[in-house]
């Protein structure tokens, strides 16, 4: 009798423990609803992105003479890498986020220098460098992500640019022409862009929450962006053309 009583008591305790822990286990197994997720999120006011993409400055478009393509002739027809970073201040969150963004980038192209007599190329090299600065209005339609946890966020940008440029000769000095002009300057322009971001939080929600708790990063996304830039002086004549229609891909942190 004593053994049967002990076995019955142990079974009762086990069943009682299971009954108490089952609701908790079910609750932990269920994904958090959007409203519940918001309770664990730090404030979000900024975004920082890094992006890379092919770039070919539209220098040849400013020459109307057929066959006159100095950039293509000198640097070739292929694209080179443009690297950029951007910092956004998200000033409004209403059915998406509206931000003001400031960006800077770097582009470089190197090629063999042409001979002064036009007989071909020399062993010396010249280098074209472009440092683009941008100021943008950025709208991200993240409403469906915030309310329904759909991790795809379309966005758009519009803004103005100022690109610094220079051409260095084989000695690393700014190149000059026969009239004593220096191959450097700055040019204003504008840009428009549209992109699609994939919020990565769903891959590992616990890691995403820890990233927020420890560093204040609300969301991490990867994105692809298509853009058109007209960097030709905003109507000012005799300006080098540095714009392009291209794409870029990168990573975005919102915090």
C-alpha atoms as a PDB file:
ATOM      1  CA  UNK A   1       0.000   0.000   0.000  1.00  0.00           C
ATOM      2  CA  UNK A   2       2.774   2.391   0.860  1.00  0.00           C
ATOM      3  CA  UNK A   3       4.486   1.804  -2.513  1.00  0.00           C
ATOM      4  CA  UNK A   4       1.233   2.312  -4.396  1.00  0.00           C
ATOM      5  CA  UNK A   5       0.587   5.520  -2.438  1.00  0.00           C
ATOM      6  CA  UNK A   6       4.060   6.889  -3.248  1.00  0.00           C
ATOM      7  CA  UNK A   7       3.661   6.048  -6.924  1.00  0.00           C
ATOM      8  CA  UNK A   8       0.229   7.703  -7.003  1.00  0.00           C
ATOM      9  CA  UNK A   9       1.582  10.790  -5.207  1.00  0.00           C
ATOM     10  CA  UNK A  10       4.524  11.070  -7.613  1.00  0.00           C
ATOM     11  CA  UNK A  11       2.197  10.706 -10.608  1.00  0.00           C
ATOM     12  CA  UNK A  12      -0.110  13.412  -9.212  1.00  0.00           C
ATOM     13  CA  UNK A  13       2.807  15.797  -8.701  1.00  0.00           C
ATOM     14  CA  UNK A  14       4.089  15.123 -12.237  1.00  0.00           C
ATOM     15  CA  UNK A  15       0.668  15.707 -13.780  1.00  0.00           C
ATOM     16  CA  UNK A  16       0.189  18.863 -11.723  1.00  0.00           C
ATOM     17  CA  UNK A  17       3.586  20.217 -12.757  1.00  0.00           C
ATOM     18  CA  UNK A  18       2.852  19.463 -16.394  1.00  0.00           C
ATOM     19  CA  UNK A  19      -0.519  21.200 -16.149  1.00  0.00           C
ATOM     20  CA  UNK A  20       1.123  24.303 -14.665  1.00  0.00           C
ATOM     21  CA  UNK A  21       4.025  24.483 -17.140  1.00  0.00           C
ATOM     22  CA  UNK A  22       2.122  23.636 -20.333  1.00  0.00           C
ATOM     23  CA  UNK A  23       0.486  27.083 -20.742  1.00  0.00           C
ATOM     24  CA  UNK A  24       3.849  28.749 -20.179  1.00  0.00           C
ATOM     25  CA  UNK A  25       5.539  26.514 -22.727  1.00  0.00           C
ATOM     26  CA  UNK A  26       2.805  27.222 -25.254  1.00  0.00           C
ATOM     27  CA  UNK A  27       3.136  30.947 -24.646  1.00  0.00           C
ATOM     28  CA  UNK A  28       6.882  30.800 -25.201  1.00  0.00           C
ATOM     29  CA  UNK A  29       6.463  28.771 -28.381  1.00  0.00           C
ATOM     30  CA  UNK A  30       4.066  31.276 -29.917  1.00  0.00           C
ATOM     31  CA  UNK A  31       5.607  34.161 -31.910  1.00  0.00           C
ATOM     32  CA  UNK A  32       5.153  37.623 -30.467  1.00  0.00           C
ATOM     33  CA  UNK A  33       2.403  39.720 -31.931  1.00  0.00           C
ATOM     34  CA  UNK A  34       3.332  43.128 -33.371  1.00  0.00           C
ATOM     35  CA  UNK A  35       2.043  45.000 -30.304  1.00  0.00           C
ATOM     36  CA  UNK A  36       3.992  42.694 -27.998  1.00  0.00           C
ATOM     37  CA  UNK A  37       7.174  43.141 -30.051  1.00  0.00           C
ATOM     38  CA  UNK A  38       6.918  46.921 -29.802  1.00  0.00           C
ATOM     39  CA  UNK A  39       7.138  46.704 -25.990  1.00  0.00           C
ATOM     40  CA  UNK A  40      10.691  45.370 -26.253  1.00  0.00           C
ATOM     41  CA  UNK A  41      11.899  47.888 -28.820  1.00  0.00           C
ATOM     42  CA  UNK A  42      14.054  50.909 -28.030  1.00  0.00           C
ATOM     43  CA  UNK A  43      13.257  54.263 -29.596  1.00  0.00           C
ATOM     44  CA  UNK A  44      14.056  54.590 -33.301  1.00  0.00           C
ATOM     45  CA  UNK A  45      15.260  57.922 -34.682  1.00  0.00           C
ATOM     46  CA  UNK A  46      18.153  57.249 -37.037  1.00  0.00           C
ATOM     47  CA  UNK A  47      19.389  54.982 -39.819  1.00  0.00           C
ATOM     48  CA  UNK A  48      22.847  54.240 -41.188  1.00  0.00           C
ATOM     49  CA  UNK A  49      23.537  52.472 -44.474  1.00  0.00           C
ATOM     50  CA  UNK A  50      26.536  51.276 -46.444  1.00  0.00           C
ATOM     51  CA  UNK A  51      26.094  50.538 -50.144  1.00  0.00           C
ATOM     52  CA  UNK A  52      28.210  49.504 -53.125  1.00  0.00           C
ATOM     53  CA  UNK A  53      27.458  49.454 -56.816  1.00  0.00           C
ATOM     54  CA  UNK A  54      28.790  49.880 -60.361  1.00  0.00           C
ATOM     55  CA  UNK A  55      29.301  53.440 -61.580  1.00  0.00           C
ATOM     56  CA  UNK A  56      30.273  55.101 -64.863  1.00  0.00           C
ATOM     57  CA  UNK A  57      30.378  58.926 -64.775  1.00  0.00           C
ATOM     58  CA  UNK A  58      28.504  60.381 -67.728  1.00  0.00           C
ATOM     59  CA  UNK A  59      31.429  62.548 -68.842  1.00  0.00           C
ATOM     60  CA  UNK A  60      31.113  61.707 -72.545  1.00  0.00           C
ATOM     61  CA  UNK A  61      27.528  63.026 -72.769  1.00  0.00           C
ATOM     62  CA  UNK A  62      28.722  66.627 -72.631  1.00  0.00           C
ATOM     63  CA  UNK A  63      30.516  66.308 -76.002  1.00  0.00           C
ATOM     64  CA  UNK A  64      28.325  66.715 -79.078  1.00  0.00           C
ATOM     65  CA  UNK A  65      31.052  65.846 -81.590  1.00  0.00           C
ATOM     66  CA  UNK A  66      30.444  62.311 -82.932  1.00  0.00           C
ATOM     67  CA  UNK A  67      33.060  59.867 -81.772  1.00  0.00           C
ATOM     68  CA  UNK A  68      34.460  62.173 -79.115  1.00  0.00           C
ATOM     69  CA  UNK A  69      34.314  60.032 -75.981  1.00  0.00           C
ATOM     70  CA  UNK A  70      37.274  60.946 -73.781  1.00  0.00           C
ATOM     71  CA  UNK A  71      36.164  58.927 -70.751  1.00  0.00           C
ATOM     72  CA  UNK A  72      35.460  55.756 -72.743  1.00  0.00           C
ATOM     73  CA  UNK A  73      38.637  56.177 -74.784  1.00  0.00           C
ATOM     74  CA  UNK A  74      40.790  56.724 -71.715  1.00  0.00           C
ATOM     75  CA  UNK A  75      39.180  54.600 -68.985  1.00  0.00           C
ATOM     76  CA  UNK A  76      37.210  52.097 -71.083  1.00  0.00           C
ATOM     77  CA  UNK A  77      33.510  51.317 -71.240  1.00  0.00           C
ATOM     78  CA  UNK A  78      33.311  49.180 -68.096  1.00  0.00           C
ATOM     79  CA  UNK A  79      31.878  50.305 -64.769  1.00  0.00           C
ATOM     80  CA  UNK A  80      33.896  50.719 -61.605  1.00  0.00           C
ATOM     81  CA  UNK A  81      32.941  50.509 -57.944  1.00  0.00           C
ATOM     82  CA  UNK A  82      31.180  53.369 -56.167  1.00  0.00           C
ATOM     83  CA  UNK A  83      31.208  53.064 -52.358  1.00  0.00           C
ATOM     84  CA  UNK A  84      28.842  55.200 -50.283  1.00  0.00           C
ATOM     85  CA  UNK A  85      27.583  55.673 -46.750  1.00  0.00           C
ATOM     86  CA  UNK A  86      24.480  57.564 -45.622  1.00  0.00           C
ATOM     87  CA  UNK A  87      23.160  58.757 -42.264  1.00  0.00           C
ATOM     88  CA  UNK A  88      19.414  59.460 -41.935  1.00  0.00           C
ATOM     89  CA  UNK A  89      17.521  61.334 -39.255  1.00  0.00           C
ATOM     90  CA  UNK A  90      14.003  59.937 -39.117  1.00  0.00           C
ATOM     91  CA  UNK A  91      11.918  62.983 -38.265  1.00  0.00           C
ATOM     92  CA  UNK A  92       8.438  61.490 -38.675  1.00  0.00           C
ATOM     93  CA  UNK A  93       6.811  58.067 -38.231  1.00  0.00           C
ATOM     94  CA  UNK A  94       3.368  58.094 -39.833  1.00  0.00           C
ATOM     95  CA  UNK A  95       2.363  55.193 -42.113  1.00  0.00           C
ATOM     96  CA  UNK A  96       6.078  54.776 -42.711  1.00  0.00           C
ATOM     97  CA  UNK A  97       9.063  56.929 -41.852  1.00  0.00           C
ATOM     98  CA  UNK A  98      10.202  60.228 -43.333  1.00  0.00           C
ATOM     99  CA  UNK A  99      13.873  61.121 -42.946  1.00  0.00           C
ATOM    100  CA  UNK A 100      16.509  63.614 -43.959  1.00  0.00           C
ATOM    101  CA  UNK A 101      19.689  61.889 -45.088  1.00  0.00           C
ATOM    102  CA  UNK A 102      23.268  63.016 -45.673  1.00  0.00           C
ATOM    103  CA  UNK A 103      25.702  60.862 -47.630  1.00  0.00           C
ATOM    104  CA  UNK A 104      29.251  60.714 -48.921  1.00  0.00           C
ATOM    105  CA  UNK A 105      31.004  58.328 -51.285  1.00  0.00           C
ATOM    106  CA  UNK A 106      34.169  57.546 -53.182  1.00  0.00           C
ATOM    107  CA  UNK A 107      34.893  56.566 -56.796  1.00  0.00           C
ATOM    108  CA  UNK A 108      38.236  56.044 -58.497  1.00  0.00           C
ATOM    109  CA  UNK A 109      39.284  55.091 -62.037  1.00  0.00           C
ATOM    110  CA  UNK A 110      42.874  54.559 -63.171  1.00  0.00           C
ATOM    111  CA  UNK A 111      44.234  54.138 -66.690  1.00  0.00           C
ATOM    112  CA  UNK A 112      47.418  54.527 -68.724  1.00  0.00           C
ATOM    113  CA  UNK A 113      48.124  58.090 -69.750  1.00  0.00           C
ATOM    114  CA  UNK A 114      47.997  58.996 -73.452  1.00  0.00           C
ATOM    115  CA  UNK A 115      51.153  60.261 -75.134  1.00  0.00           C
ATOM    116  CA  UNK A 116      51.327  64.015 -75.682  1.00  0.00           C
ATOM    117  CA  UNK A 117      51.757  63.546 -79.444  1.00  0.00           C
ATOM    118  CA  UNK A 118      48.693  61.344 -79.677  1.00  0.00           C
ATOM    119  CA  UNK A 119      50.665  58.278 -80.738  1.00  0.00           C
ATOM    120  CA  UNK A 120      49.157  55.987 -78.099  1.00  0.00           C
ATOM    121  CA  UNK A 121      49.449  55.226 -74.406  1.00  0.00           C
ATOM    122  CA  UNK A 122      52.456  55.544 -72.121  1.00  0.00           C
ATOM    123  CA  UNK A 123      53.612  53.554 -69.110  1.00  0.00           C
ATOM    124  CA  UNK A 124      52.439  56.364 -66.833  1.00  0.00           C
ATOM    125  CA  UNK A 125      48.988  56.301 -65.239  1.00  0.00           C
ATOM    126  CA  UNK A 126      46.384  58.917 -64.434  1.00  0.00           C
ATOM    127  CA  UNK A 127      43.657  58.669 -61.858  1.00  0.00           C
ATOM    128  CA  UNK A 128      40.157  60.168 -61.754  1.00  0.00           C
ATOM    129  CA  UNK A 129      38.661  60.541 -58.278  1.00  0.00           C
ATOM    130  CA  UNK A 130      35.101  61.574 -57.419  1.00  0.00           C
ATOM    131  CA  UNK A 131      33.819  62.285 -53.904  1.00  0.00           C
ATOM    132  CA  UNK A 132      30.022  62.711 -54.049  1.00  0.00           C
ATOM    133  CA  UNK A 133      28.095  64.454 -51.265  1.00  0.00           C
ATOM    134  CA  UNK A 134      24.321  64.134 -51.097  1.00  0.00           C
ATOM    135  CA  UNK A 135      21.363  65.509 -49.159  1.00  0.00           C
ATOM    136  CA  UNK A 136      18.138  63.501 -49.487  1.00  0.00           C
ATOM    137  CA  UNK A 137      14.543  63.230 -48.406  1.00  0.00           C
ATOM    138  CA  UNK A 138      13.919  59.540 -47.657  1.00  0.00           C
ATOM    139  CA  UNK A 139      10.552  57.815 -47.283  1.00  0.00           C
ATOM    140  CA  UNK A 140      10.353  54.193 -46.142  1.00  0.00           C
ATOM    141  CA  UNK A 141       6.989  52.436 -46.289  1.00  0.00           C
ATOM    142  CA  UNK A 142       7.554  50.210 -43.250  1.00  0.00           C
ATOM    143  CA  UNK A 143       3.922  50.300 -42.072  1.00  0.00           C
ATOM    144  CA  UNK A 144       3.265  46.653 -43.026  1.00  0.00           C
ATOM    145  CA  UNK A 145       6.410  45.594 -41.212  1.00  0.00           C
ATOM    146  CA  UNK A 146       5.548  47.554 -38.077  1.00  0.00           C
ATOM    147  CA  UNK A 147       1.934  46.382 -37.968  1.00  0.00           C
ATOM    148  CA  UNK A 148       2.027  42.924 -39.599  1.00  0.00           C
ATOM    149  CA  UNK A 149       5.710  41.930 -39.400  1.00  0.00           C
ATOM    150  CA  UNK A 150       5.953  41.669 -43.199  1.00  0.00           C
ATOM    151  CA  UNK A 151       9.733  42.083 -43.650  1.00  0.00           C
ATOM    152  CA  UNK A 152       9.746  43.740 -47.101  1.00  0.00           C
ATOM    153  CA  UNK A 153      10.050  47.546 -47.042  1.00  0.00           C
ATOM    154  CA  UNK A 154       9.939  49.635 -50.245  1.00  0.00           C
ATOM    155  CA  UNK A 155      11.431  53.120 -50.127  1.00  0.00           C
ATOM    156  CA  UNK A 156      12.243  56.162 -52.227  1.00  0.00           C
ATOM    157  CA  UNK A 157      14.716  59.047 -52.178  1.00  0.00           C
ATOM    158  CA  UNK A 158      15.050  62.450 -53.788  1.00  0.00           C
ATOM    159  CA  UNK A 159      17.722  65.035 -53.209  1.00  0.00           C
ATOM    160  CA  UNK A 160      20.620  67.185 -54.303  1.00  0.00           C
ATOM    161  CA  UNK A 161      24.303  66.499 -54.800  1.00  0.00           C
ATOM    162  CA  UNK A 162      27.660  68.171 -54.894  1.00  0.00           C
ATOM    163  CA  UNK A 163      30.504  66.119 -56.388  1.00  0.00           C
ATOM    164  CA  UNK A 164      34.170  66.976 -55.944  1.00  0.00           C
ATOM    165  CA  UNK A 165      36.443  65.629 -58.672  1.00  0.00           C
ATOM    166  CA  UNK A 166      40.110  65.652 -59.622  1.00  0.00           C
ATOM    167  CA  UNK A 167      42.465  63.970 -62.065  1.00  0.00           C
ATOM    168  CA  UNK A 168      45.999  63.143 -60.867  1.00  0.00           C
ATOM    169  CA  UNK A 169      48.928  62.593 -63.174  1.00  0.00           C
ATOM    170  CA  UNK A 170      51.599  59.896 -62.872  1.00  0.00           C
ATOM    171  CA  UNK A 171      53.323  61.872 -60.119  1.00  0.00           C
ATOM    172  CA  UNK A 172      50.204  62.062 -57.998  1.00  0.00           C
ATOM    173  CA  UNK A 173      49.798  65.747 -58.727  1.00  0.00           C
ATOM    174  CA  UNK A 174      46.677  67.425 -60.114  1.00  0.00           C
ATOM    175  CA  UNK A 175      46.866  67.245 -63.897  1.00  0.00           C
ATOM    176  CA  UNK A 176      47.103  70.450 -65.934  1.00  0.00           C
ATOM    177  CA  UNK A 177      46.373  71.266 -69.561  1.00  0.00           C
ATOM    178  CA  UNK A 178      48.323  73.316 -72.105  1.00  0.00           C
ATOM    179  CA  UNK A 179      46.584  76.510 -70.989  1.00  0.00           C
ATOM    180  CA  UNK A 180      47.506  76.012 -67.347  1.00  0.00           C
ATOM    181  CA  UNK A 181      44.081  74.796 -66.257  1.00  0.00           C
ATOM    182  CA  UNK A 182      43.865  72.358 -63.364  1.00  0.00           C
ATOM    183  CA  UNK A 183      41.838  69.138 -63.587  1.00  0.00           C
ATOM    184  CA  UNK A 184      39.764  69.541 -60.463  1.00  0.00           C
ATOM    185  CA  UNK A 185      36.506  71.137 -59.407  1.00  0.00           C
ATOM    186  CA  UNK A 186      33.021  70.644 -58.028  1.00  0.00           C
ATOM    187  CA  UNK A 187      29.625  70.301 -59.668  1.00  0.00           C
ATOM    188  CA  UNK A 188      26.039  70.390 -58.374  1.00  0.00           C
ATOM    189  CA  UNK A 189      23.274  67.987 -59.367  1.00  0.00           C
ATOM    190  CA  UNK A 190      20.249  66.007 -58.248  1.00  0.00           C
ATOM    191  CA  UNK A 191      19.254  62.377 -57.805  1.00  0.00           C
ATOM    192  CA  UNK A 192      16.217  60.137 -57.445  1.00  0.00           C
ATOM    193  CA  UNK A 193      16.219  56.533 -56.212  1.00  0.00           C
ATOM    194  CA  UNK A 194      13.880  53.669 -55.379  1.00  0.00           C
ATOM    195  CA  UNK A 195      14.716  50.505 -53.497  1.00  0.00           C
ATOM    196  CA  UNK A 196      13.502  47.431 -51.670  1.00  0.00           C
ATOM    197  CA  UNK A 197      14.787  46.376 -48.249  1.00  0.00           C
ATOM    198  CA  UNK A 198      14.490  42.995 -46.535  1.00  0.00           C
ATOM    199  CA  UNK A 199      14.386  43.261 -42.721  1.00  0.00           C
ATOM    200  CA  UNK A 200      16.464  40.402 -41.304  1.00  0.00           C
ATOM    201  CA  UNK A 201      14.920  40.296 -37.807  1.00  0.00           C
ATOM    202  CA  UNK A 202      12.778  37.249 -38.652  1.00  0.00           C
ATOM    203  CA  UNK A 203      15.851  35.047 -39.203  1.00  0.00           C
ATOM    204  CA  UNK A 204      16.760  35.114 -35.499  1.00  0.00           C
ATOM    205  CA  UNK A 205      14.290  37.150 -33.379  1.00  0.00           C
ATOM    206  CA  UNK A 206      16.247  36.513 -30.163  1.00  0.00           C
ATOM    207  CA  UNK A 207      19.459  37.834 -31.694  1.00  0.00           C
ATOM    208  CA  UNK A 208      17.587  40.832 -33.089  1.00  0.00           C
ATOM    209  CA  UNK A 209      16.206  41.613 -29.610  1.00  0.00           C
ATOM    210  CA  UNK A 210      19.671  41.267 -28.049  1.00  0.00           C
ATOM    211  CA  UNK A 211      21.079  43.589 -30.729  1.00  0.00           C
ATOM    212  CA  UNK A 212      18.449  46.127 -29.716  1.00  0.00           C
ATOM    213  CA  UNK A 213      18.967  45.647 -25.966  1.00  0.00           C
ATOM    214  CA  UNK A 214      22.762  45.861 -26.094  1.00  0.00           C
ATOM    215  CA  UNK A 215      23.412  48.344 -28.931  1.00  0.00           C
ATOM    216  CA  UNK A 216      20.056  50.033 -29.549  1.00  0.00           C
ATOM    217  CA  UNK A 217      19.787  48.723 -33.124  1.00  0.00           C
ATOM    218  CA  UNK A 218      16.072  48.222 -33.808  1.00  0.00           C
ATOM    219  CA  UNK A 219      16.341  46.561 -37.220  1.00  0.00           C
ATOM    220  CA  UNK A 220      18.952  45.298 -39.649  1.00  0.00           C
ATOM    221  CA  UNK A 221      18.143  45.113 -43.369  1.00  0.00           C
ATOM    222  CA  UNK A 222      19.769  44.323 -46.668  1.00  0.00           C
ATOM    223  CA  UNK A 223      18.602  46.233 -49.721  1.00  0.00           C
ATOM    224  CA  UNK A 224      18.930  46.799 -53.441  1.00  0.00           C
ATOM    225  CA  UNK A 225      18.499  50.300 -54.863  1.00  0.00           C
ATOM    226  CA  UNK A 226      18.097  51.736 -58.364  1.00  0.00           C
ATOM    227  CA  UNK A 227      19.048  55.372 -58.925  1.00  0.00           C
ATOM    228  CA  UNK A 228      19.432  58.113 -61.500  1.00  0.00           C
ATOM    229  CA  UNK A 229      21.787  61.027 -60.841  1.00  0.00           C
ATOM    230  CA  UNK A 230      22.119  64.112 -63.022  1.00  0.00           C
ATOM    231  CA  UNK A 231      25.337  65.748 -61.843  1.00  0.00           C
ATOM    232  CA  UNK A 232      25.884  68.382 -64.514  1.00  0.00           C
ATOM    233  CA  UNK A 233      25.668  71.751 -62.776  1.00  0.00           C
ATOM    234  CA  UNK A 234      21.877  72.208 -62.394  1.00  0.00           C
ATOM    235  CA  UNK A 235      21.784  74.134 -65.667  1.00  0.00           C
ATOM    236  CA  UNK A 236      25.102  75.911 -65.214  1.00  0.00           C
ATOM    237  CA  UNK A 237      27.082  75.693 -68.496  1.00  0.00           C
ATOM    238  CA  UNK A 238      30.523  74.204 -69.055  1.00  0.00           C
ATOM    239  CA  UNK A 239      30.362  71.744 -66.180  1.00  0.00           C
ATOM    240  CA  UNK A 240      31.688  68.217 -66.266  1.00  0.00           C
ATOM    241  CA  UNK A 241      28.945  65.557 -66.246  1.00  0.00           C
ATOM    242  CA  UNK A 242      29.373  63.030 -63.437  1.00  0.00           C
ATOM    243  CA  UNK A 243      25.933  61.413 -63.115  1.00  0.00           C
ATOM    244  CA  UNK A 244      24.847  57.869 -63.927  1.00  0.00           C
ATOM    245  CA  UNK A 245      21.821  55.549 -63.975  1.00  0.00           C
ATOM    246  CA  UNK A 246      22.773  52.487 -61.981  1.00  0.00           C
ATOM    247  CA  UNK A 247      22.039  50.221 -59.013  1.00  0.00           C
ATOM    248  CA  UNK A 248      23.606  49.487 -55.637  1.00  0.00           C
ATOM    249  CA  UNK A 249      23.220  46.979 -52.824  1.00  0.00           C
ATOM    250  CA  UNK A 250      24.019  47.311 -49.164  1.00  0.00           C
ATOM    251  CA  UNK A 251      23.115  46.939 -45.495  1.00  0.00           C
ATOM    252  CA  UNK A 252      21.004  49.249 -43.306  1.00  0.00           C
ATOM    253  CA  UNK A 253      20.864  49.662 -39.528  1.00  0.00           C
ATOM    254  CA  UNK A 254      17.979  51.535 -37.872  1.00  0.00           C
ATOM    255  CA  UNK A 255      18.451  52.738 -34.294  1.00  0.00           C
END
